[in-house]
N, C-alpha and C. Protein backbone atom coordinates (compact mmCIF):
# COMPACT_ATOMS: atom_id res chain seq x y z
N MET A 1 0.85 -1.17 0.00
CA MET A 1 0.00 0.00 0.00
C MET A 1 0.89 1.23 0.00
N THR A 2 0.76 2.06 -1.02
CA THR A 2 1.53 3.28 -1.03
C THR A 2 0.74 4.44 -1.56
N ASP A 3 -0.42 4.19 -2.14
CA ASP A 3 -1.16 5.25 -2.77
C ASP A 3 -2.00 5.97 -1.72
N THR A 4 -1.35 6.72 -0.85
CA THR A 4 -2.02 7.35 0.27
C THR A 4 -2.12 8.84 0.10
N PRO A 5 -3.23 9.45 0.53
CA PRO A 5 -3.34 10.89 0.42
C PRO A 5 -2.54 11.63 1.48
N HIS A 6 -1.90 10.89 2.38
CA HIS A 6 -1.20 11.52 3.49
C HIS A 6 0.31 11.54 3.27
N GLY A 7 0.89 12.71 3.29
CA GLY A 7 2.35 12.80 3.24
C GLY A 7 2.91 12.83 1.84
N PRO A 8 4.14 13.41 1.70
CA PRO A 8 4.76 13.51 0.39
C PRO A 8 5.12 12.13 -0.18
N GLN A 9 4.70 11.88 -1.40
CA GLN A 9 4.96 10.58 -2.02
C GLN A 9 6.46 10.36 -2.26
N GLU A 10 7.20 11.46 -2.47
CA GLU A 10 8.62 11.34 -2.76
C GLU A 10 9.39 10.72 -1.60
N GLU A 11 8.86 10.85 -0.38
CA GLU A 11 9.57 10.36 0.80
C GLU A 11 9.29 8.88 1.08
N LEU A 12 8.19 8.37 0.54
CA LEU A 12 7.87 6.96 0.79
C LEU A 12 8.94 6.06 0.21
N TYR A 13 9.26 5.02 0.94
CA TYR A 13 10.27 4.02 0.56
C TYR A 13 11.70 4.54 0.65
N SER A 14 11.89 5.70 1.28
CA SER A 14 13.26 6.14 1.56
C SER A 14 13.82 5.35 2.74
N THR A 15 12.94 4.78 3.54
CA THR A 15 13.30 3.86 4.63
C THR A 15 12.39 2.63 4.50
N PRO A 16 12.80 1.49 5.08
CA PRO A 16 11.97 0.28 4.98
C PRO A 16 10.58 0.49 5.57
N LEU A 17 9.58 -0.09 4.91
CA LEU A 17 8.20 0.04 5.36
C LEU A 17 7.67 -1.33 5.78
N PRO A 18 6.80 -1.38 6.81
CA PRO A 18 6.37 -2.67 7.37
C PRO A 18 5.74 -3.62 6.36
N TRP A 19 5.01 -3.07 5.38
CA TRP A 19 4.30 -3.95 4.43
C TRP A 19 5.17 -4.37 3.25
N ASP A 20 6.36 -3.79 3.14
CA ASP A 20 7.26 -4.12 2.03
C ASP A 20 8.18 -5.26 2.46
N THR A 21 7.68 -6.48 2.34
CA THR A 21 8.38 -7.66 2.88
C THR A 21 9.28 -8.34 1.85
N GLY A 22 9.21 -7.89 0.59
CA GLY A 22 10.03 -8.51 -0.45
C GLY A 22 9.44 -9.79 -1.01
N ARG A 23 8.17 -10.03 -0.72
CA ARG A 23 7.48 -11.22 -1.25
C ARG A 23 5.98 -10.91 -1.32
N PRO A 24 5.25 -11.67 -2.12
CA PRO A 24 3.79 -11.44 -2.20
C PRO A 24 3.11 -11.79 -0.87
N GLN A 25 1.97 -11.14 -0.65
CA GLN A 25 1.15 -11.51 0.49
C GLN A 25 0.63 -12.93 0.29
N PRO A 26 0.66 -13.78 1.32
CA PRO A 26 0.19 -15.17 1.18
C PRO A 26 -1.22 -15.28 0.61
N ALA A 27 -2.10 -14.34 0.95
CA ALA A 27 -3.47 -14.41 0.45
C ALA A 27 -3.50 -14.33 -1.08
N PHE A 28 -2.66 -13.47 -1.66
CA PHE A 28 -2.62 -13.35 -3.11
C PHE A 28 -1.84 -14.49 -3.75
N LEU A 29 -0.84 -14.97 -3.06
CA LEU A 29 -0.09 -16.12 -3.57
C LEU A 29 -1.01 -17.34 -3.67
N ASP A 30 -1.87 -17.52 -2.68
CA ASP A 30 -2.83 -18.62 -2.70
C ASP A 30 -3.79 -18.48 -3.89
N LEU A 31 -4.23 -17.25 -4.16
CA LEU A 31 -5.12 -17.00 -5.30
C LEU A 31 -4.42 -17.35 -6.61
N ALA A 32 -3.15 -16.97 -6.70
CA ALA A 32 -2.38 -17.26 -7.92
C ALA A 32 -2.23 -18.77 -8.11
N HIS A 33 -1.92 -19.48 -7.04
CA HIS A 33 -1.77 -20.94 -7.12
C HIS A 33 -3.09 -21.61 -7.52
N ALA A 34 -4.20 -21.02 -7.10
CA ALA A 34 -5.52 -21.59 -7.40
C ALA A 34 -6.00 -21.23 -8.81
N GLY A 35 -5.25 -20.38 -9.50
CA GLY A 35 -5.64 -19.97 -10.85
C GLY A 35 -6.72 -18.92 -10.89
N ALA A 36 -6.95 -18.25 -9.76
CA ALA A 36 -8.01 -17.24 -9.70
C ALA A 36 -7.60 -15.91 -10.33
N ILE A 37 -6.30 -15.66 -10.41
CA ILE A 37 -5.81 -14.42 -11.02
C ILE A 37 -5.56 -14.71 -12.49
N ARG A 38 -6.30 -14.03 -13.36
CA ARG A 38 -6.30 -14.38 -14.79
C ARG A 38 -6.23 -13.14 -15.67
N GLY A 39 -5.84 -13.37 -16.94
CA GLY A 39 -5.90 -12.33 -17.97
C GLY A 39 -4.97 -11.16 -17.71
N ARG A 40 -5.44 -9.98 -18.09
CA ARG A 40 -4.67 -8.75 -17.83
C ARG A 40 -4.87 -8.36 -16.38
N VAL A 41 -3.77 -8.10 -15.68
CA VAL A 41 -3.82 -7.84 -14.24
C VAL A 41 -3.33 -6.43 -13.94
N LEU A 42 -4.07 -5.73 -13.08
CA LEU A 42 -3.65 -4.42 -12.58
C LEU A 42 -3.48 -4.52 -11.07
N ASP A 43 -2.30 -4.14 -10.60
CA ASP A 43 -2.01 -4.10 -9.17
C ASP A 43 -2.01 -2.64 -8.75
N VAL A 44 -3.06 -2.23 -8.01
CA VAL A 44 -3.18 -0.83 -7.60
C VAL A 44 -2.44 -0.61 -6.29
N GLY A 45 -1.69 0.51 -6.22
CA GLY A 45 -0.86 0.75 -5.04
C GLY A 45 0.17 -0.35 -4.91
N CYS A 46 0.88 -0.61 -6.01
CA CYS A 46 1.71 -1.82 -6.12
C CYS A 46 2.97 -1.80 -5.26
N GLY A 47 3.33 -0.65 -4.71
CA GLY A 47 4.57 -0.59 -3.93
C GLY A 47 5.75 -0.99 -4.79
N THR A 48 6.61 -1.85 -4.25
CA THR A 48 7.80 -2.26 -5.00
C THR A 48 7.55 -3.45 -5.92
N GLY A 49 6.27 -3.76 -6.17
CA GLY A 49 5.92 -4.60 -7.30
C GLY A 49 5.78 -6.09 -7.11
N GLU A 50 5.79 -6.59 -5.88
CA GLU A 50 5.81 -8.04 -5.70
C GLU A 50 4.61 -8.76 -6.31
N HIS A 51 3.43 -8.16 -6.24
CA HIS A 51 2.25 -8.87 -6.77
C HIS A 51 2.21 -8.83 -8.30
N ALA A 52 2.55 -7.70 -8.89
CA ALA A 52 2.62 -7.64 -10.35
C ALA A 52 3.70 -8.58 -10.87
N LEU A 53 4.83 -8.66 -10.18
CA LEU A 53 5.91 -9.56 -10.59
C LEU A 53 5.51 -11.02 -10.41
N MET A 54 4.77 -11.32 -9.37
CA MET A 54 4.24 -12.67 -9.17
C MET A 54 3.39 -13.07 -10.37
N CYS A 55 2.56 -12.14 -10.85
CA CYS A 55 1.71 -12.42 -12.00
C CYS A 55 2.53 -12.55 -13.28
N ALA A 56 3.50 -11.66 -13.46
CA ALA A 56 4.35 -11.73 -14.65
C ALA A 56 5.10 -13.05 -14.71
N ALA A 57 5.54 -13.55 -13.55
CA ALA A 57 6.26 -14.82 -13.50
C ALA A 57 5.37 -16.00 -13.92
N ARG A 58 4.05 -15.79 -13.87
CA ARG A 58 3.11 -16.82 -14.30
C ARG A 58 2.62 -16.58 -15.73
N GLY A 59 3.29 -15.68 -16.43
CA GLY A 59 2.97 -15.43 -17.83
C GLY A 59 1.81 -14.49 -18.07
N LEU A 60 1.35 -13.80 -17.03
CA LEU A 60 0.24 -12.88 -17.17
C LEU A 60 0.73 -11.48 -17.57
N ASP A 61 -0.13 -10.75 -18.24
CA ASP A 61 0.13 -9.36 -18.62
C ASP A 61 -0.14 -8.51 -17.39
N ALA A 62 0.92 -8.03 -16.74
CA ALA A 62 0.79 -7.38 -15.43
C ALA A 62 1.23 -5.93 -15.47
N THR A 63 0.42 -5.07 -14.85
CA THR A 63 0.73 -3.65 -14.69
C THR A 63 0.60 -3.31 -13.21
N GLY A 64 1.56 -2.56 -12.70
CA GLY A 64 1.49 -2.05 -11.34
C GLY A 64 1.52 -0.54 -11.35
N ILE A 65 0.68 0.08 -10.51
CA ILE A 65 0.70 1.53 -10.39
C ILE A 65 0.85 1.94 -8.94
N ASP A 66 1.52 3.08 -8.74
CA ASP A 66 1.72 3.62 -7.41
C ASP A 66 2.05 5.10 -7.56
N LEU A 67 1.75 5.88 -6.54
CA LEU A 67 2.12 7.30 -6.56
C LEU A 67 3.56 7.55 -6.14
N ALA A 68 4.15 6.60 -5.41
CA ALA A 68 5.48 6.82 -4.86
C ALA A 68 6.55 6.53 -5.92
N PRO A 69 7.31 7.53 -6.35
CA PRO A 69 8.32 7.30 -7.39
C PRO A 69 9.39 6.31 -6.99
N ARG A 70 9.81 6.31 -5.72
CA ARG A 70 10.83 5.35 -5.28
C ARG A 70 10.33 3.91 -5.41
N ALA A 71 9.06 3.71 -5.11
CA ALA A 71 8.48 2.36 -5.22
C ALA A 71 8.49 1.89 -6.67
N ILE A 72 8.09 2.77 -7.57
CA ILE A 72 8.05 2.41 -8.99
C ILE A 72 9.46 2.12 -9.51
N ASP A 73 10.41 2.94 -9.12
CA ASP A 73 11.81 2.70 -9.54
C ASP A 73 12.29 1.35 -9.06
N ARG A 74 11.98 1.02 -7.81
CA ARG A 74 12.42 -0.26 -7.25
C ARG A 74 11.72 -1.43 -7.94
N ALA A 75 10.44 -1.26 -8.24
CA ALA A 75 9.70 -2.32 -8.93
C ALA A 75 10.30 -2.59 -10.30
N ARG A 76 10.65 -1.52 -11.02
CA ARG A 76 11.27 -1.69 -12.34
C ARG A 76 12.63 -2.38 -12.22
N ASP A 77 13.39 -2.02 -11.18
CA ASP A 77 14.68 -2.67 -10.95
C ASP A 77 14.49 -4.16 -10.71
N LYS A 78 13.50 -4.51 -9.89
CA LYS A 78 13.23 -5.93 -9.60
C LYS A 78 12.87 -6.69 -10.88
N ALA A 79 12.05 -6.06 -11.73
CA ALA A 79 11.66 -6.72 -12.97
C ALA A 79 12.88 -7.02 -13.83
N ARG A 80 13.80 -6.05 -13.91
CA ARG A 80 15.02 -6.26 -14.69
C ARG A 80 15.89 -7.35 -14.06
N GLU A 81 16.03 -7.30 -12.74
CA GLU A 81 16.87 -8.28 -12.04
C GLU A 81 16.33 -9.70 -12.20
N ARG A 82 15.01 -9.84 -12.26
CA ARG A 82 14.39 -11.16 -12.34
C ARG A 82 14.08 -11.58 -13.78
N GLY A 83 14.36 -10.70 -14.72
CA GLY A 83 14.10 -11.03 -16.12
C GLY A 83 12.62 -11.16 -16.43
N LEU A 84 11.80 -10.33 -15.78
CA LEU A 84 10.35 -10.41 -15.95
C LEU A 84 9.84 -9.18 -16.70
N THR A 85 8.78 -9.39 -17.45
CA THR A 85 8.15 -8.29 -18.19
C THR A 85 6.89 -7.86 -17.45
N ALA A 86 6.97 -6.70 -16.83
CA ALA A 86 5.81 -6.12 -16.16
C ALA A 86 5.93 -4.61 -16.33
N ARG A 87 4.79 -3.95 -16.42
CA ARG A 87 4.76 -2.50 -16.61
C ARG A 87 4.50 -1.83 -15.27
N PHE A 88 5.30 -0.83 -14.93
CA PHE A 88 5.12 -0.09 -13.68
C PHE A 88 5.02 1.39 -13.99
N LEU A 89 3.94 2.01 -13.50
CA LEU A 89 3.65 3.40 -13.82
C LEU A 89 3.32 4.18 -12.55
N GLN A 90 3.77 5.43 -12.51
CA GLN A 90 3.38 6.32 -11.41
C GLN A 90 2.02 6.91 -11.76
N HIS A 91 1.02 6.60 -10.94
CA HIS A 91 -0.34 7.03 -11.26
C HIS A 91 -1.19 7.02 -9.98
N ASP A 92 -2.24 7.81 -9.99
CA ASP A 92 -3.15 7.95 -8.86
C ASP A 92 -4.29 6.94 -9.00
N VAL A 93 -4.54 6.15 -7.96
CA VAL A 93 -5.60 5.14 -8.03
C VAL A 93 -7.00 5.76 -8.08
N LEU A 94 -7.11 7.04 -7.76
CA LEU A 94 -8.41 7.70 -7.86
C LEU A 94 -8.69 8.20 -9.28
N ARG A 95 -7.74 8.00 -10.18
CA ARG A 95 -7.90 8.50 -11.56
C ARG A 95 -7.61 7.38 -12.57
N LEU A 96 -8.09 6.20 -12.29
CA LEU A 96 -7.81 5.05 -13.16
C LEU A 96 -8.48 5.16 -14.52
N ALA A 97 -9.58 5.89 -14.59
CA ALA A 97 -10.27 6.02 -15.87
C ALA A 97 -9.38 6.64 -16.94
N GLU A 98 -8.37 7.40 -16.51
CA GLU A 98 -7.46 8.02 -17.46
C GLU A 98 -6.65 7.00 -18.26
N PHE A 99 -6.55 5.79 -17.76
CA PHE A 99 -5.83 4.74 -18.48
C PHE A 99 -6.48 4.44 -19.83
N GLY A 100 -7.82 4.44 -19.85
CA GLY A 100 -8.51 4.04 -21.06
C GLY A 100 -8.29 2.57 -21.38
N GLU A 101 -8.03 1.78 -20.35
CA GLU A 101 -7.76 0.35 -20.51
C GLU A 101 -8.66 -0.45 -19.57
N PHE A 102 -8.86 -1.74 -19.93
CA PHE A 102 -9.63 -2.62 -19.07
C PHE A 102 -8.78 -3.81 -18.65
N PHE A 103 -9.06 -4.32 -17.46
CA PHE A 103 -8.30 -5.43 -16.90
C PHE A 103 -9.26 -6.52 -16.46
N ASP A 104 -8.77 -7.77 -16.52
CA ASP A 104 -9.57 -8.91 -16.11
C ASP A 104 -9.52 -9.12 -14.60
N THR A 105 -8.38 -8.77 -14.01
CA THR A 105 -8.19 -8.94 -12.57
C THR A 105 -7.52 -7.69 -12.02
N VAL A 106 -8.04 -7.19 -10.91
CA VAL A 106 -7.39 -6.09 -10.19
C VAL A 106 -7.07 -6.55 -8.78
N LEU A 107 -5.85 -6.28 -8.35
CA LEU A 107 -5.40 -6.62 -7.00
C LEU A 107 -5.27 -5.34 -6.19
N ASP A 108 -5.87 -5.32 -5.02
CA ASP A 108 -5.75 -4.21 -4.09
C ASP A 108 -5.17 -4.77 -2.80
N SER A 109 -3.89 -4.53 -2.60
CA SER A 109 -3.23 -4.97 -1.38
C SER A 109 -2.99 -3.75 -0.49
N LEU A 110 -3.89 -3.56 0.47
CA LEU A 110 -3.75 -2.55 1.52
C LEU A 110 -3.94 -1.12 1.02
N VAL A 111 -4.83 -0.95 0.05
CA VAL A 111 -5.16 0.40 -0.43
C VAL A 111 -6.54 0.84 0.04
N PHE A 112 -7.53 -0.02 -0.08
CA PHE A 112 -8.92 0.34 0.24
C PHE A 112 -9.04 1.00 1.60
N HIS A 113 -8.32 0.49 2.59
CA HIS A 113 -8.51 0.98 3.96
C HIS A 113 -7.90 2.35 4.22
N ILE A 114 -7.14 2.91 3.29
CA ILE A 114 -6.56 4.23 3.54
C ILE A 114 -7.54 5.36 3.27
N PHE A 115 -8.63 5.05 2.56
CA PHE A 115 -9.57 6.10 2.18
C PHE A 115 -10.67 6.27 3.21
N GLY A 116 -10.97 7.53 3.50
CA GLY A 116 -12.06 7.85 4.41
C GLY A 116 -13.40 7.77 3.70
N ASP A 117 -14.46 8.12 4.41
CA ASP A 117 -15.81 7.97 3.88
C ASP A 117 -16.04 8.80 2.62
N ASP A 118 -15.42 9.96 2.53
CA ASP A 118 -15.63 10.84 1.38
C ASP A 118 -14.95 10.30 0.12
N GLU A 119 -13.74 9.74 0.29
CA GLU A 119 -12.98 9.30 -0.88
C GLU A 119 -13.27 7.86 -1.29
N ARG A 120 -13.82 7.08 -0.39
CA ARG A 120 -14.04 5.67 -0.71
C ARG A 120 -14.92 5.47 -1.93
N PRO A 121 -16.06 6.18 -2.07
CA PRO A 121 -16.86 6.01 -3.29
C PRO A 121 -16.11 6.40 -4.56
N LEU A 122 -15.25 7.40 -4.47
CA LEU A 122 -14.44 7.80 -5.63
C LEU A 122 -13.49 6.69 -6.02
N TYR A 123 -12.92 6.04 -5.01
CA TYR A 123 -11.98 4.95 -5.28
C TYR A 123 -12.71 3.76 -5.92
N VAL A 124 -13.87 3.40 -5.39
CA VAL A 124 -14.62 2.28 -5.94
C VAL A 124 -15.03 2.56 -7.38
N GLU A 125 -15.46 3.78 -7.66
CA GLU A 125 -15.83 4.14 -9.03
C GLU A 125 -14.62 4.12 -9.95
N SER A 126 -13.47 4.54 -9.42
CA SER A 126 -12.23 4.49 -10.20
C SER A 126 -11.89 3.04 -10.56
N LEU A 127 -12.03 2.14 -9.61
CA LEU A 127 -11.81 0.72 -9.88
C LEU A 127 -12.79 0.21 -10.94
N ARG A 128 -14.02 0.59 -10.82
CA ARG A 128 -15.07 0.15 -11.75
C ARG A 128 -14.72 0.55 -13.19
N SER A 129 -14.04 1.68 -13.34
CA SER A 129 -13.73 2.19 -14.67
C SER A 129 -12.69 1.36 -15.41
N VAL A 130 -11.97 0.47 -14.71
CA VAL A 130 -10.93 -0.31 -15.37
C VAL A 130 -11.14 -1.82 -15.31
N VAL A 131 -12.12 -2.27 -14.53
CA VAL A 131 -12.41 -3.71 -14.46
C VAL A 131 -13.47 -4.03 -15.51
N ARG A 132 -13.14 -4.89 -16.45
CA ARG A 132 -14.11 -5.23 -17.48
C ARG A 132 -15.28 -6.00 -16.86
N PRO A 133 -16.49 -5.89 -17.42
CA PRO A 133 -17.62 -6.67 -16.89
C PRO A 133 -17.27 -8.15 -16.81
N GLY A 134 -17.53 -8.74 -15.67
CA GLY A 134 -17.15 -10.13 -15.44
C GLY A 134 -15.76 -10.28 -14.85
N GLY A 135 -15.01 -9.19 -14.85
CA GLY A 135 -13.68 -9.21 -14.24
C GLY A 135 -13.78 -9.18 -12.72
N ARG A 136 -12.65 -9.45 -12.08
CA ARG A 136 -12.69 -9.58 -10.62
C ARG A 136 -11.69 -8.67 -9.93
N LEU A 137 -12.09 -8.23 -8.75
CA LEU A 137 -11.25 -7.47 -7.84
C LEU A 137 -10.99 -8.34 -6.62
N PHE A 138 -9.72 -8.45 -6.24
CA PHE A 138 -9.34 -9.11 -5.00
C PHE A 138 -8.77 -8.05 -4.07
N LEU A 139 -9.38 -7.90 -2.91
CA LEU A 139 -9.09 -6.79 -2.01
C LEU A 139 -8.63 -7.33 -0.66
N LEU A 140 -7.46 -6.90 -0.23
CA LEU A 140 -6.91 -7.29 1.08
C LEU A 140 -6.75 -6.04 1.91
N CYS A 141 -7.43 -5.98 3.07
CA CYS A 141 -7.37 -4.77 3.89
C CYS A 141 -7.39 -5.11 5.38
N PHE A 142 -6.98 -4.12 6.18
CA PHE A 142 -7.01 -4.26 7.63
C PHE A 142 -8.44 -4.58 8.09
N SER A 143 -8.55 -5.49 9.04
CA SER A 143 -9.84 -5.88 9.60
C SER A 143 -10.10 -5.16 10.92
N ASP A 144 -11.35 -4.94 11.20
CA ASP A 144 -11.74 -4.36 12.49
C ASP A 144 -11.46 -5.31 13.64
N GLN A 145 -11.11 -6.57 13.32
CA GLN A 145 -10.75 -7.53 14.37
C GLN A 145 -9.33 -7.32 14.89
N GLN A 146 -8.54 -6.53 14.16
CA GLN A 146 -7.17 -6.24 14.59
C GLN A 146 -7.19 -5.23 15.73
N PRO A 147 -6.64 -5.56 16.90
CA PRO A 147 -6.65 -4.61 18.02
C PRO A 147 -5.68 -3.45 17.79
N GLY A 148 -5.83 -2.45 18.64
CA GLY A 148 -4.87 -1.35 18.63
C GLY A 148 -5.17 -0.24 17.66
N GLU A 149 -6.44 0.09 17.47
CA GLU A 149 -6.82 1.18 16.58
C GLU A 149 -6.05 2.45 16.96
N GLY A 150 -5.38 3.05 15.97
CA GLY A 150 -4.62 4.26 16.22
C GLY A 150 -3.20 4.01 16.68
N GLN A 151 -2.89 2.79 17.13
CA GLN A 151 -1.55 2.48 17.60
C GLN A 151 -0.66 1.95 16.48
N TYR A 152 -1.25 1.20 15.58
CA TYR A 152 -0.49 0.64 14.47
C TYR A 152 -1.39 0.52 13.26
N GLY A 153 -0.92 1.05 12.15
CA GLY A 153 -1.63 0.85 10.91
C GLY A 153 -2.78 1.81 10.71
N PRO A 154 -3.49 1.63 9.60
CA PRO A 154 -4.56 2.53 9.21
C PRO A 154 -5.89 2.19 9.86
N ARG A 155 -6.90 2.87 9.43
CA ARG A 155 -8.26 2.63 9.89
C ARG A 155 -8.66 1.17 9.65
N ARG A 156 -9.32 0.58 10.61
CA ARG A 156 -9.81 -0.78 10.46
C ARG A 156 -11.11 -0.78 9.66
N VAL A 157 -11.38 -1.87 8.96
CA VAL A 157 -12.54 -1.96 8.09
C VAL A 157 -13.42 -3.13 8.53
N THR A 158 -14.72 -2.90 8.57
CA THR A 158 -15.66 -3.97 8.90
C THR A 158 -16.11 -4.67 7.62
N ARG A 159 -16.62 -5.87 7.78
CA ARG A 159 -17.21 -6.59 6.64
C ARG A 159 -18.32 -5.76 6.01
N GLU A 160 -19.12 -5.12 6.87
CA GLU A 160 -20.25 -4.34 6.37
C GLU A 160 -19.79 -3.17 5.51
N GLU A 161 -18.67 -2.56 5.85
CA GLU A 161 -18.16 -1.46 5.04
C GLU A 161 -17.78 -1.93 3.63
N ILE A 162 -17.21 -3.11 3.55
CA ILE A 162 -16.86 -3.66 2.22
C ILE A 162 -18.13 -3.95 1.44
N VAL A 163 -19.10 -4.59 2.09
CA VAL A 163 -20.38 -4.90 1.44
C VAL A 163 -21.03 -3.62 0.93
N ASP A 164 -21.09 -2.59 1.76
CA ASP A 164 -21.75 -1.34 1.38
C ASP A 164 -21.01 -0.64 0.24
N ALA A 165 -19.68 -0.65 0.28
CA ALA A 165 -18.89 0.06 -0.72
C ALA A 165 -19.09 -0.52 -2.12
N PHE A 166 -19.32 -1.83 -2.19
CA PHE A 166 -19.44 -2.50 -3.48
C PHE A 166 -20.86 -2.98 -3.77
N ALA A 167 -21.84 -2.26 -3.22
CA ALA A 167 -23.24 -2.66 -3.38
C ALA A 167 -23.78 -2.37 -4.77
N ASP A 168 -23.22 -1.40 -5.47
CA ASP A 168 -23.76 -0.98 -6.76
C ASP A 168 -22.80 -1.31 -7.89
N GLY A 169 -23.23 -2.20 -8.78
CA GLY A 169 -22.42 -2.52 -9.95
C GLY A 169 -21.40 -3.62 -9.73
N TRP A 170 -21.46 -4.26 -8.56
CA TRP A 170 -20.53 -5.33 -8.23
C TRP A 170 -21.29 -6.49 -7.60
N LYS A 171 -20.70 -7.66 -7.65
CA LYS A 171 -21.23 -8.82 -6.91
C LYS A 171 -20.16 -9.31 -5.96
N LEU A 172 -20.48 -9.29 -4.68
CA LEU A 172 -19.53 -9.73 -3.66
C LEU A 172 -19.54 -11.25 -3.61
N ASP A 173 -18.46 -11.87 -4.05
CA ASP A 173 -18.38 -13.33 -4.10
C ASP A 173 -18.05 -13.94 -2.75
N SER A 174 -17.13 -13.31 -2.02
CA SER A 174 -16.74 -13.85 -0.72
C SER A 174 -15.94 -12.82 0.07
N ILE A 175 -16.01 -12.94 1.37
CA ILE A 175 -15.13 -12.21 2.29
C ILE A 175 -14.65 -13.20 3.32
N GLU A 176 -13.34 -13.34 3.45
CA GLU A 176 -12.80 -14.28 4.43
C GLU A 176 -11.71 -13.63 5.27
N ALA A 177 -11.55 -14.15 6.45
CA ALA A 177 -10.52 -13.65 7.36
C ALA A 177 -9.15 -14.19 6.93
N ARG A 178 -8.18 -13.29 6.80
CA ARG A 178 -6.81 -13.67 6.48
C ARG A 178 -5.87 -12.83 7.34
N THR A 179 -4.58 -12.95 7.10
CA THR A 179 -3.61 -12.10 7.78
C THR A 179 -2.73 -11.41 6.74
N ILE A 180 -2.15 -10.30 7.16
CA ILE A 180 -1.24 -9.52 6.32
C ILE A 180 0.17 -9.70 6.86
N ASP A 181 1.07 -10.20 6.04
CA ASP A 181 2.47 -10.28 6.43
C ASP A 181 3.05 -8.88 6.52
N ASN A 182 3.90 -8.67 7.52
CA ASN A 182 4.56 -7.38 7.70
C ASN A 182 5.77 -7.58 8.58
N THR A 183 6.59 -6.56 8.69
CA THR A 183 7.81 -6.68 9.48
C THR A 183 7.66 -6.15 10.91
N ALA A 184 6.47 -5.64 11.26
CA ALA A 184 6.28 -5.05 12.58
C ALA A 184 5.58 -5.98 13.57
N ILE A 185 4.64 -6.79 13.08
CA ILE A 185 3.88 -7.69 13.94
C ILE A 185 4.14 -9.11 13.46
N PRO A 186 4.96 -9.88 14.17
CA PRO A 186 5.39 -11.21 13.68
C PRO A 186 4.27 -12.16 13.32
N ASP A 187 3.17 -12.14 14.05
CA ASP A 187 2.07 -13.06 13.78
C ASP A 187 1.16 -12.58 12.66
N GLY A 188 1.44 -11.42 12.11
CA GLY A 188 0.61 -10.88 11.04
C GLY A 188 -0.50 -9.99 11.56
N VAL A 189 -1.06 -9.22 10.64
CA VAL A 189 -2.17 -8.32 10.96
C VAL A 189 -3.46 -8.96 10.48
N LEU A 190 -4.49 -8.92 11.31
CA LEU A 190 -5.79 -9.49 10.93
C LEU A 190 -6.39 -8.68 9.78
N ALA A 191 -6.88 -9.41 8.79
CA ALA A 191 -7.33 -8.76 7.56
C ALA A 191 -8.57 -9.42 7.01
N TRP A 192 -9.21 -8.72 6.06
CA TRP A 192 -10.26 -9.29 5.23
C TRP A 192 -9.73 -9.46 3.82
N LEU A 193 -10.04 -10.59 3.21
CA LEU A 193 -9.78 -10.80 1.79
C LEU A 193 -11.14 -10.92 1.11
N ALA A 194 -11.43 -9.96 0.23
CA ALA A 194 -12.71 -9.96 -0.47
C ALA A 194 -12.49 -10.29 -1.95
N ALA A 195 -13.36 -11.12 -2.51
CA ALA A 195 -13.40 -11.41 -3.94
C ALA A 195 -14.68 -10.81 -4.49
N ILE A 196 -14.54 -9.91 -5.47
CA ILE A 196 -15.67 -9.11 -5.92
C ILE A 196 -15.67 -9.11 -7.46
N THR A 197 -16.83 -9.37 -8.05
CA THR A 197 -16.96 -9.41 -9.50
C THR A 197 -17.67 -8.16 -10.00
N ARG A 198 -17.12 -7.57 -11.05
CA ARG A 198 -17.73 -6.41 -11.69
C ARG A 198 -18.90 -6.88 -12.55
N ILE A 199 -20.08 -6.34 -12.30
CA ILE A 199 -21.27 -6.71 -13.05
C ILE A 199 -21.29 -5.96 -14.38
């Protein structure tokens, strides 16, 4: 997660960040192994690119976007180092319609929960503009079951908030409890993994 409205984007990734573990989140890795991630893939708030690179390594057409220039530079370096073809672009997740492109699968790893009530509908509509009908969004976010609100991490999200956010123009396929790998909490952060289909 790096596409945040808080703080200068140029400073992000100048020091190690808890969610930048150097590997895909297990929840998304499981989806990839199950064959659920298909077609053209967009990784929103891609950070240093692990999920887009995971998809590229499986032969998928993968694009990652992030506002943080350091993250995009590092993602491109990783692609070169690993001999993988993936596209990484500096772009705002609230302005996805500007792409003029459609994707079969969109991955949101720790982006949804950074938006407040006012911006959340804008974000959902932005996602809708790039997911082709029948395409799927996989969303991993902080859960309200994670203790310590305000002490670590962003705003917690309830199941009901996810349901409400995607009530129009989407079909909620599933929401399950998962964890988020990070470098700050060894046992992981409690999370929701939602699978959502664009109608």
